[in-house]
Amino acid sequence: MRQALISDIHSNLEALTAVMADIKTQAIERIVCLGDIVGYGPNPAECIDLVMNHCALTILGNHDQAALFDPEGFNPVALKAIYWTRDQLDRGPGPAAAINARWDFISELPRQKKEGSILYVHGSPRDPTNEYVFPETIYDQARMQALFNRVEQYCFQGHTHMPGIFTTDGEFITPEDCDYVFPLSGEKIMVNVGSVGQPRDEDPRSCYVIVDLKKEILEFRRVEYDVDTTAQKIYETEDLDNMLGDRLRSGR
């Protein structure tokens, strides 16, 4: 199956729309979302609608969870944004049925999904919702071993907004390191698919991954989108800190 894997949309409608348009050109059979549809950005309801309508599988992210329950470990900027997000989802748009459908969708999302030898999570194989696996985690050999012990073959994740491939040899391979295409040899790997709506690897373009198991390749895709429009929406929203717009332009 040729799959598109997206993650960390963070209510960025312009980015999600651009990525979905790119996916349409790639002969994709299924789209998987690895969580954090909401949080930080200005269009939570619209992004949920797109994910509901286009993704065959969606995993619960920590911001999605925070929209449902009391947030834990959120900084003041993220906390204020998630409370604003809750209010927006309660207000609409659309009739009560549409509002309830969005809440029902988020509340029923799984924390992880295993399909054969593939594991889909938001955070990590050990803590599927909340654990961050940063590029520098490779230097903690005991932790990496504990994570890979929970991976049968391939684990796909998001959460850090930093795309790349973790190997059992202690490497972190960035998209640039592999010229955006990585052969799938059957060896265990953990893959961070990057962020659609808030990249943090100093590249402001949206990032997602295509996995083609028949051809045994993985491809990172970068997509331009209208950053200025999203940033301006954030600046015009009192409860969303201006830094959330600023960081979109720098990809940090």
Foldseek 3Di string as FASTA:
>chain_A
DKEWEAEQQAQFVQLVVQVVVVVVVVPHDAYEYAENQHFQFDHSLVSLVVCVVGHPAYAYALLLVCLVDPRPPDDPQRNLRSVVVNVVLVPDDDDPVSSVVSNVVSVPHHQWDDDPQEIGAADALVRRHDHHDDQVVLVVLVVVVVRLVSGSFEYEYENVLAWFKQANVSHTAHCVNVVQKDAQPRGHMYTHFGHSHAAQPQDLFGWIWIQDVVRRMIGIDTGDGDLVVRLVSQVVDPSRDSVSSVRSVRRD
